[in-house]
Amino acid sequence: MERERLRPWIRLDKDLYKILKVKAMEADTDLESFLGELLDLGYGARYGV
């Protein structure tokens, strides 16, 4: 299975990478910032922050 690398600790399936890249473009931001926002939202939802 092919994977795209953003940072050493972020590995994404190629199809997921394409989807997230489009969503980041729709949000008018770069992919790493978009992923950071998603991680922050997930952390906030999990821990009530």
Protein backbone atom coordinates (compact mmCIF):
# COMPACT_ATOMS: atom_id res chain seq x y z
CA MET A 1 0.00 0.00 0.00
CA GLU A 2 1.43 3.37 -0.99
CA ARG A 3 1.65 6.04 1.65
CA GLU A 4 2.44 9.72 1.51
CA ARG A 5 4.79 11.27 4.07
CA LEU A 6 4.29 14.72 5.48
CA ARG A 7 6.42 14.57 8.58
CA PRO A 8 8.25 11.53 9.91
CA TRP A 9 5.39 10.73 12.30
CA ILE A 10 2.50 11.33 9.87
CA ARG A 11 1.80 8.60 7.33
CA LEU A 12 -1.35 8.63 5.27
CA ASP A 13 -2.88 6.19 2.84
CA LYS A 14 -2.62 7.62 -0.68
CA ASP A 15 -6.41 7.94 -1.13
CA LEU A 16 -6.84 9.62 2.26
CA TYR A 17 -3.98 11.96 1.41
CA LYS A 18 -5.77 13.07 -1.76
CA ILE A 19 -9.07 13.64 0.07
CA LEU A 20 -7.44 15.65 2.85
CA LYS A 21 -5.44 17.69 0.37
CA VAL A 22 -8.66 18.70 -1.43
CA LYS A 23 -10.36 19.54 1.88
CA ALA A 24 -7.36 21.67 2.88
CA MET A 25 -7.56 23.54 -0.43
CA GLU A 26 -11.29 24.12 0.15
CA ALA A 27 -10.44 25.52 3.60
CA ASP A 28 -7.79 27.75 1.95
CA THR A 29 -4.92 26.41 4.04
CA ASP A 30 -1.94 24.11 3.59
CA LEU A 31 -2.24 20.42 4.37
CA GLU A 32 -0.05 20.40 7.48
CA SER A 33 -2.04 23.25 9.06
CA PHE A 34 -5.29 21.49 8.17
CA LEU A 35 -4.07 18.26 9.79
CA GLY A 36 -2.97 20.21 12.86
CA GLU A 37 -6.47 21.67 13.18
CA LEU A 38 -8.00 18.20 12.87
CA LEU A 39 -5.67 16.88 15.57
CA ASP A 40 -6.54 19.81 17.85
CA LEU A 41 -10.26 19.21 17.33
CA GLY A 42 -9.87 15.50 18.07
CA TYR A 43 -7.83 16.20 21.20
CA GLY A 44 -10.35 18.80 22.36
CA ALA A 45 -13.27 16.44 21.80
CA ARG A 46 -11.54 13.60 23.58
CA TYR A 47 -10.38 15.54 26.62
CA GLY A 48 -12.92 18.37 26.74
CA VAL A 49 -10.33 21.07 26.10
